[in-house]
Amino acid sequence: MSQSLERPVIIGAGPGGLAVAWTLKAAGLDPLLLDRGEVPCSTWYSYYPSMRMNSWRRLSHLPGRKLSAEYGPWPMRDDFLAYIKAYVRDLDPDIRFGTEARRIDREDGRWVVRTSGGDLTTANVVVATGLHRTPYVPDWPGLDEFEGEFLHARDYRVPEPYVGKDVLVVGCGPTGIDIAVAVMRAGASRVRMSIRNTPVLFKLSPVTSLLSQAIKHGPLPDWLVNRGSLLMHRWHWGDLTPYGLAPPTEGTLAGTARIGHAYGAIDRGLIPAVREGSIEIVPGVAGFDRKAVMLEGGAGIKPDVVIAATGQRPGIDGLVGHLGVLERPGGRPVVHGGRCAPHAPGLYFQGFRLPPGQLPDMALDAHAIAQAISGTRRFNPLRVLGIAW
């Protein structure tokens, strides 16, 4: 039997879902949150403790509460989790933990959310499970027979277990860079990074964070953003070809459109390590041969440990894939950020922006979703981001 609700249902009690809950409560509504975990932001507890935000603290708060200045300009994982505990205390949301949303169907003009605890019927559903729900590992030939240690970056915690070991990190996103630099500094005997296509790499700065938001929420044409990101890469780093890093061939938006997830990264020490020879760049992985990792071009190497920093995917096909709202199988929603597909009125998606949907985007989109559901007045994006006083 389905339980009929007159309030919105939010799937996911992570940062995106909590942000929408705050704006809906501020608009006078009482949303119900569903989460398969046992605590808010449960995914964040699985990240390595040394992880830092890539977005500037001044831009990175959720609606209603700012991150404390004591965390510095780039808060760490535990800083953010402390912030979330305080945020949940102030919000006092209605969350059903240990409840998995399995499928959403449209029946008689309303949405039916089929969960592990029974069906819920409502007019408005917000899917806030985010871009990083399911770890992704390419279908490399021979991986099942690989005799070395293999793990996805989601399972990495601290660098100490890799002291004295030969480590191969696959992938040059923010996580791959963090892990490669950390194991190098901790004393790995050798660190190599496998890169198929050099992404655009930026230096960490408030200016970079502000530019990222201007690009995602402003009227700049794609060609200008792509060209500008390539010029910034060259301006920051010069020619890195002698170190195995060929110049990027496509800008951030073009690369993101091609691969369907984030293309580009903030450098936290990779380039200096590559220049001094502490981290070696090798070609992309072609497959595995028991003790060896086969690289594109035919060469083989024998690392002790392979850490696949190959990203994560939304993993919402089973939930909404049958509704015709995804760009591609395994991909993002076609429409998000406070808008619905014409054939899916009342179905919203939060936290799915590319380049990655970070906290500034979640705050903006939460207000847009609350406005769409409740009919409240428009908001000032600059005030939401904390830069209008």
Protein backbone atom coordinates (compact mmCIF):
# COMPACT_ATOMS: atom_id res chain seq x y z
CA MET A 1 0.00 0.00 0.00
CA SER A 2 1.28 3.45 -0.89
CA GLN A 3 1.43 6.23 1.69
CA SER A 4 0.13 9.49 0.21
CA LEU A 5 2.00 12.64 1.27
CA GLU A 6 1.19 16.31 0.84
CA ARG A 7 4.81 17.33 1.28
CA PRO A 8 7.88 17.06 -0.97
CA VAL A 9 10.11 13.99 -0.80
CA ILE A 10 13.90 14.50 -1.02
CA ILE A 11 16.01 11.46 -1.88
CA GLY A 12 19.45 11.85 -0.30
CA ALA A 13 20.43 13.53 2.97
CA GLY A 14 23.78 14.75 1.72
CA PRO A 15 24.70 18.42 1.26
CA GLY A 16 22.37 18.85 -1.71
CA GLY A 17 19.36 17.28 -0.04
CA LEU A 18 19.90 19.19 3.20
CA ALA A 19 20.20 22.45 1.26
CA VAL A 20 16.85 21.85 -0.44
CA ALA A 21 15.28 20.87 2.88
CA TRP A 22 16.42 24.17 4.38
CA THR A 23 14.99 26.30 1.57
CA LEU A 24 11.72 24.35 1.53
CA LYS A 25 11.30 24.76 5.28
CA ALA A 26 12.07 28.46 4.93
CA ALA A 27 9.24 28.58 2.35
CA GLY A 28 6.84 27.05 4.86
CA LEU A 29 6.93 23.43 3.66
CA ASP A 30 7.85 20.29 5.58
CA PRO A 31 9.89 17.96 3.34
CA LEU A 32 10.61 14.31 4.07
CA LEU A 33 14.19 13.14 3.39
CA LEU A 34 15.10 9.55 2.58
CA ASP A 35 18.65 8.23 2.91
CA ARG A 36 20.06 4.74 2.59
CA GLY A 37 22.80 5.57 5.13
CA GLU A 38 22.51 6.00 8.89
CA VAL A 39 23.84 9.57 9.23
CA PRO A 40 23.57 12.76 7.16
CA CYS A 41 26.26 13.08 4.49
CA SER A 42 27.26 9.44 4.99
CA THR A 43 29.32 9.43 1.77
CA TRP A 44 31.61 12.11 3.18
CA TYR A 45 32.70 9.76 5.96
CA SER A 46 34.08 7.40 3.30
CA TYR A 47 36.43 10.04 1.86
CA TYR A 48 40.07 10.19 2.89
CA PRO A 49 40.57 12.46 5.94
CA SER A 50 43.09 14.75 4.20
CA MET A 51 40.59 15.74 1.51
CA ARG A 52 40.10 19.49 1.18
CA MET A 53 37.42 21.45 -0.63
CA ASN A 54 38.28 22.83 -4.03
CA SER A 55 35.82 25.69 -3.70
CA TRP A 56 36.68 28.74 -1.62
CA ARG A 57 35.11 28.76 1.87
CA ARG A 58 33.46 32.15 1.31
CA LEU A 59 31.45 30.63 -1.56
CA SER A 60 30.87 27.20 -0.09
CA HIS A 61 28.17 27.37 2.54
CA LEU A 62 24.70 25.90 2.31
CA PRO A 63 21.60 28.09 2.70
CA GLY A 64 21.12 29.48 6.18
CA ARG A 65 24.52 28.85 7.72
CA LYS A 66 28.08 29.84 6.77
CA LEU A 67 31.24 27.81 7.20
CA SER A 68 33.31 29.11 10.09
CA ALA A 69 36.40 31.18 9.30
CA GLU A 70 38.32 28.93 11.70
CA TYR A 71 38.39 26.28 8.96
CA GLY A 72 40.57 28.44 6.75
CA PRO A 73 40.01 29.19 3.06
CA TRP A 74 39.92 25.50 2.04
CA PRO A 75 38.12 23.42 4.71
CA MET A 76 39.04 19.77 5.19
CA ARG A 77 36.69 16.78 5.32
CA ASP A 78 36.30 16.80 9.10
CA ASP A 79 35.72 20.55 9.10
CA PHE A 80 32.83 20.08 6.72
CA LEU A 81 31.39 17.19 8.70
CA ALA A 82 31.44 19.34 11.84
CA TYR A 83 29.64 22.04 9.87
CA ILE A 84 27.02 19.51 8.71
CA LYS A 85 26.36 18.36 12.29
CA ALA A 86 25.63 21.95 13.29
CA TYR A 87 23.58 22.49 10.13
CA VAL A 88 21.38 19.45 10.84
CA ARG A 89 20.94 20.57 14.45
CA ASP A 90 19.63 23.94 13.29
CA LEU A 91 17.54 22.49 10.46
CA ASP A 92 15.97 19.66 12.50
CA PRO A 93 14.90 17.77 9.35
CA ASP A 94 12.60 14.75 9.14
CA ILE A 95 14.94 12.05 7.79
CA ARG A 96 14.17 8.37 7.35
CA PHE A 97 17.58 6.74 7.56
CA GLY A 98 18.24 3.23 6.31
CA THR A 99 15.64 3.75 3.60
CA GLU A 100 16.66 3.08 0.01
CA ALA A 101 14.72 4.71 -2.82
CA ARG A 102 14.63 2.07 -5.55
CA ARG A 103 12.39 3.44 -8.30
CA ILE A 104 10.23 6.45 -9.12
CA ASP A 105 7.07 6.00 -11.18
CA ARG A 106 4.39 8.34 -12.47
CA GLU A 107 0.82 7.31 -11.61
CA ASP A 108 -2.37 9.36 -11.86
CA GLY A 109 -0.50 12.64 -12.11
CA ARG A 110 1.62 12.03 -8.98
CA TRP A 111 4.99 10.50 -8.23
CA VAL A 112 5.32 7.15 -6.50
CA VAL A 113 8.67 6.64 -4.77
CA ARG A 114 9.20 2.93 -4.24
CA THR A 115 11.44 2.45 -1.22
CA SER A 116 12.75 -0.37 0.94
CA GLY A 117 10.20 0.76 3.53
CA GLY A 118 7.17 0.95 1.22
CA ASP A 119 5.77 3.25 -1.44
CA LEU A 120 5.34 7.02 -0.99
CA THR A 121 3.07 9.10 -3.23
CA THR A 122 3.67 12.84 -3.59
CA ALA A 123 3.45 15.70 -6.07
CA ASN A 124 7.11 16.77 -5.81
CA VAL A 125 10.28 14.68 -5.62
CA VAL A 126 13.85 15.98 -5.43
CA VAL A 127 16.59 13.51 -6.37
CA ALA A 128 19.69 14.69 -4.46
CA THR A 129 21.88 11.60 -4.64
CA GLY A 130 24.53 13.55 -6.57
CA LEU A 131 27.22 12.84 -9.14
CA HIS A 132 29.40 10.68 -6.92
CA ARG A 133 27.11 7.88 -5.80
CA THR A 134 28.80 4.86 -7.41
CA PRO A 135 32.57 4.25 -7.81
CA TYR A 136 33.54 3.65 -11.43
CA VAL A 137 36.24 1.27 -12.67
CA PRO A 138 36.83 0.86 -16.43
CA ASP A 139 36.33 -2.59 -17.90
CA TRP A 140 40.04 -3.29 -18.26
CA PRO A 141 40.97 -6.66 -19.77
CA GLY A 142 42.67 -8.96 -17.27
CA LEU A 143 41.81 -6.97 -14.16
CA ASP A 144 40.20 -9.97 -12.45
CA GLU A 145 43.47 -11.93 -12.73
CA PHE A 146 45.75 -9.13 -11.56
CA GLU A 147 47.96 -10.42 -8.75
CA GLY A 148 48.98 -7.06 -7.33
CA GLU A 149 46.98 -4.93 -4.91
CA PHE A 150 44.15 -3.02 -6.57
CA LEU A 151 41.70 -0.55 -5.04
CA HIS A 152 39.43 2.24 -6.10
CA ALA A 153 40.28 5.68 -4.73
CA ARG A 154 37.00 5.60 -2.77
CA ASP A 155 38.65 2.93 -0.57
CA TYR A 156 41.84 4.94 0.01
CA ARG A 157 42.20 6.47 3.48
CA VAL A 158 45.78 7.33 4.48
CA PRO A 159 49.18 7.05 2.72
CA GLU A 160 51.07 5.09 5.41
CA PRO A 161 50.21 1.58 4.06
CA TYR A 162 52.04 2.49 0.83
CA VAL A 163 55.38 3.51 2.36
CA GLY A 164 58.17 1.68 0.54
CA LYS A 165 55.83 0.44 -2.20
CA ASP A 166 55.72 1.04 -5.95
CA VAL A 167 52.39 2.79 -6.52
CA LEU A 168 50.53 3.50 -9.75
CA VAL A 169 47.70 6.04 -9.55
CA VAL A 170 45.34 5.92 -12.53
CA GLY A 171 43.62 9.22 -13.26
CA CYS A 172 44.50 12.90 -12.98
CA GLY A 173 41.44 14.34 -11.30
CA PRO A 174 41.55 16.11 -7.91
CA THR A 175 41.46 12.81 -5.99
CA GLY A 176 44.17 11.20 -8.10
CA ILE A 177 46.41 14.21 -7.60
CA ASP A 178 45.81 14.25 -3.83
CA ILE A 179 46.60 10.54 -3.48
CA ALA A 180 49.69 10.58 -5.70
CA VAL A 181 51.16 13.54 -3.84
CA ALA A 182 50.29 12.08 -0.42
CA VAL A 183 51.87 8.65 -1.02
CA MET A 184 54.93 10.31 -2.57
CA ARG A 185 55.43 12.55 0.48
CA ALA A 186 54.80 9.64 2.87
CA GLY A 187 57.66 7.63 1.39
CA ALA A 188 56.43 5.36 -1.39
CA SER A 189 59.43 3.88 -3.20
CA ARG A 190 58.06 4.97 -6.56
CA VAL A 191 54.94 6.84 -7.67
CA ARG A 192 53.63 6.89 -11.21
CA MET A 193 50.47 8.48 -12.55
CA SER A 194 48.71 7.07 -15.61
CA ILE A 195 47.10 9.76 -17.77
CA ARG A 196 45.32 9.13 -21.07
CA ASN A 197 44.54 12.77 -21.87
CA THR A 198 46.10 15.68 -20.01
CA PRO A 199 43.27 17.65 -18.38
CA VAL A 200 43.26 21.38 -17.81
CA LEU A 201 44.97 21.99 -14.46
CA PHE A 202 44.37 25.11 -12.39
CA LYS A 203 46.11 26.60 -9.38
CA LEU A 204 44.09 26.71 -6.17
CA SER A 205 42.97 30.27 -5.46
CA PRO A 206 39.84 32.28 -4.61
CA VAL A 207 40.03 33.78 -8.12
CA THR A 208 39.82 30.32 -9.68
CA SER A 209 36.78 29.51 -7.53
CA LEU A 210 35.05 32.77 -8.48
CA LEU A 211 35.77 32.18 -12.17
CA SER A 212 34.32 28.69 -11.94
CA GLN A 213 31.04 30.06 -10.62
CA ALA A 214 30.98 32.82 -13.25
CA ILE A 215 31.44 30.20 -15.96
CA LYS A 216 28.67 27.91 -14.70
CA HIS A 217 26.10 30.58 -13.89
CA GLY A 218 27.02 33.34 -16.32
CA PRO A 219 26.33 34.02 -20.00
CA LEU A 220 29.83 33.26 -21.31
CA PRO A 221 29.82 31.27 -24.59
CA ASP A 222 31.33 27.78 -24.49
CA TRP A 223 34.05 28.59 -27.01
CA LEU A 224 35.31 31.44 -24.83
CA VAL A 225 35.35 29.27 -21.71
CA ASN A 226 37.21 26.49 -23.51
CA ARG A 227 39.76 28.84 -25.00
CA GLY A 228 40.22 30.67 -21.71
CA SER A 229 40.80 27.47 -19.73
CA LEU A 230 43.49 26.34 -22.18
CA LEU A 231 45.20 29.72 -21.93
CA MET A 232 45.08 29.59 -18.12
CA HIS A 233 46.66 26.13 -18.12
CA ARG A 234 49.49 27.35 -20.34
CA TRP A 235 49.90 30.54 -18.30
CA HIS A 236 50.09 28.65 -15.02
CA TRP A 237 52.43 25.83 -16.05
CA GLY A 238 54.13 26.56 -19.35
CA ASP A 239 55.15 23.63 -21.56
CA LEU A 240 55.15 20.37 -19.57
CA THR A 241 55.80 18.09 -22.57
CA PRO A 242 59.35 17.22 -21.41
CA TYR A 243 57.80 15.75 -18.23
CA GLY A 244 55.28 13.56 -20.06
CA LEU A 245 52.35 15.96 -19.82
CA ALA A 246 51.31 16.99 -23.30
CA PRO A 247 49.31 20.23 -23.56
CA PRO A 248 45.53 19.74 -23.16
CA THR A 249 43.76 19.60 -26.49
CA GLU A 250 40.31 20.67 -25.31
CA GLY A 251 38.97 23.11 -22.76
CA THR A 252 37.01 22.29 -19.63
CA LEU A 253 33.52 22.40 -21.13
CA ALA A 254 34.47 20.49 -24.29
CA GLY A 255 36.20 17.78 -22.27
CA THR A 256 33.31 17.55 -19.83
CA ALA A 257 30.79 17.19 -22.68
CA ARG A 258 32.86 14.44 -24.31
CA ILE A 259 33.40 12.23 -21.26
CA GLY A 260 30.19 13.02 -19.36
CA HIS A 261 31.88 13.96 -16.09
CA ALA A 262 34.34 16.52 -14.75
CA TYR A 263 37.29 17.37 -17.00
CA GLY A 264 39.94 19.47 -15.29
CA ALA A 265 41.43 19.61 -11.81
CA ILE A 266 42.95 21.82 -9.15
CA ASP A 267 46.62 21.01 -8.71
CA ARG A 268 47.77 20.47 -5.12
CA GLY A 269 51.41 19.64 -5.73
CA LEU A 270 51.47 17.35 -8.75
CA ILE A 271 53.28 19.65 -11.15
CA PRO A 272 56.19 20.49 -8.79
CA ALA A 273 56.55 16.77 -8.01
CA VAL A 274 56.58 15.89 -11.70
CA ARG A 275 59.16 18.55 -12.45
CA GLU A 276 61.49 17.26 -9.73
CA GLY A 277 60.98 13.63 -10.75
CA SER A 278 59.17 12.49 -7.60
CA ILE A 279 56.10 11.49 -9.62
CA GLU A 280 56.42 9.98 -13.10
CA ILE A 281 53.80 10.32 -15.81
CA VAL A 282 52.99 7.20 -17.86
CA PRO A 283 50.43 6.53 -20.63
CA GLY A 284 46.89 5.33 -20.08
CA VAL A 285 46.14 1.82 -18.87
CA ALA A 286 45.26 -0.66 -21.63
CA GLY A 287 44.78 -3.74 -19.44
CA PHE A 288 46.32 -6.13 -16.92
CA ASP A 289 48.45 -9.25 -17.32
CA ARG A 290 48.62 -10.97 -13.92
CA LYS A 291 51.65 -9.22 -12.39
CA ALA A 292 51.85 -6.41 -14.95
CA VAL A 293 49.85 -3.36 -15.93
CA MET A 294 49.84 -2.93 -19.70
CA LEU A 295 50.01 0.66 -20.92
CA GLU A 296 48.88 2.18 -24.18
CA GLY A 297 51.70 1.78 -26.67
CA GLY A 298 52.57 -1.72 -25.50
CA ALA A 299 54.81 -1.10 -22.48
CA GLY A 300 54.22 -3.00 -19.25
CA ILE A 301 55.02 -2.01 -15.66
CA LYS A 302 54.84 -3.97 -12.40
CA PRO A 303 53.64 -1.76 -9.54
CA ASP A 304 52.91 -3.23 -6.11
CA VAL A 305 49.70 -1.24 -5.84
CA VAL A 306 47.25 0.22 -8.35
CA ILE A 307 44.89 2.93 -7.09
CA ALA A 308 42.14 3.70 -9.60
CA ALA A 309 41.18 7.35 -9.25
CA THR A 310 38.79 6.83 -12.15
CA GLY A 311 35.89 8.73 -10.72
CA GLN A 312 32.33 8.02 -9.70
CA ARG A 313 29.01 8.05 -11.48
CA PRO A 314 25.47 9.10 -10.53
CA GLY A 315 24.18 5.52 -10.62
CA ILE A 316 20.51 6.50 -10.83
CA ASP A 317 19.46 4.43 -13.85
CA GLY A 318 17.40 2.06 -11.73
CA LEU A 319 15.77 4.98 -9.98
CA VAL A 320 14.77 7.16 -12.95
CA GLY A 321 16.32 5.65 -16.10
CA HIS A 322 12.92 4.46 -17.38
CA LEU A 323 11.51 8.01 -17.23
CA GLY A 324 13.57 9.39 -20.14
CA VAL A 325 15.24 12.05 -18.00
CA LEU A 326 18.92 11.01 -18.33
CA GLU A 327 21.44 12.21 -20.91
CA ARG A 328 22.73 8.67 -21.41
CA PRO A 329 22.80 5.36 -19.52
CA GLY A 330 24.78 5.90 -16.33
CA GLY A 331 24.72 9.65 -16.90
CA ARG A 332 23.26 12.83 -15.48
CA PRO A 333 19.72 14.18 -15.65
CA VAL A 334 18.96 16.21 -18.75
CA VAL A 335 17.29 18.95 -16.68
CA HIS A 336 18.27 20.03 -13.18
CA GLY A 337 18.77 23.07 -10.97
CA GLY A 338 15.15 24.03 -10.31
CA ARG A 339 13.64 22.98 -13.65
CA CYS A 340 11.69 19.87 -14.68
CA ALA A 341 11.54 18.04 -17.98
CA PRO A 342 8.18 18.85 -19.67
CA HIS A 343 7.04 15.26 -19.28
CA ALA A 344 8.16 15.05 -15.64
CA PRO A 345 6.49 17.94 -13.75
CA GLY A 346 7.40 17.97 -10.09
CA LEU A 347 10.58 15.88 -10.50
CA TYR A 348 13.72 17.87 -9.62
CA PHE A 349 17.42 17.01 -9.53
CA GLN A 350 19.93 18.59 -7.17
CA GLY A 351 23.75 18.33 -7.23
CA PHE A 352 24.25 17.19 -10.82
CA ARG A 353 25.93 20.22 -12.39
CA LEU A 354 29.06 19.89 -14.50
CA PRO A 355 31.72 21.01 -13.97
CA PRO A 356 31.11 19.28 -10.64
CA GLY A 357 28.15 20.38 -8.55
CA GLN A 358 29.92 21.83 -5.54
CA LEU A 359 28.42 23.65 -2.59
CA PRO A 360 27.99 27.03 -4.32
CA ASP A 361 25.89 25.35 -7.02
CA MET A 362 23.87 23.40 -4.47
CA ALA A 363 22.99 26.56 -2.58
CA LEU A 364 21.81 28.31 -5.75
CA ASP A 365 19.86 25.32 -7.02
CA ALA A 366 18.23 24.69 -3.63
CA HIS A 367 16.70 28.16 -3.72
CA ALA A 368 15.55 27.65 -7.31
CA ILE A 369 13.91 24.32 -6.44
CA ALA A 370 12.16 25.79 -3.40
CA GLN A 371 10.92 28.66 -5.51
CA ALA A 372 9.56 26.30 -8.15
CA ILE A 373 7.78 24.06 -5.63
CA SER A 374 6.43 26.74 -3.30
CA GLY A 375 6.01 29.68 -5.66
CA THR A 376 8.09 31.97 -3.44
CA ARG A 377 9.71 35.10 -4.81
CA ARG A 378 12.98 35.10 -6.68
CA PHE A 379 16.27 35.28 -4.79
CA ASN A 380 19.55 37.15 -5.16
CA PRO A 381 22.27 34.68 -6.30
CA LEU A 382 25.04 36.92 -4.97
CA ARG A 383 23.46 36.92 -1.52
CA VAL A 384 23.12 33.12 -1.62
CA LEU A 385 26.84 32.86 -2.41
CA GLY A 386 27.67 35.16 0.47
CA ILE A 387 29.19 37.95 -1.60
CA ALA A 388 26.31 40.42 -1.43
CA TRP A 389 25.85 42.10 1.92
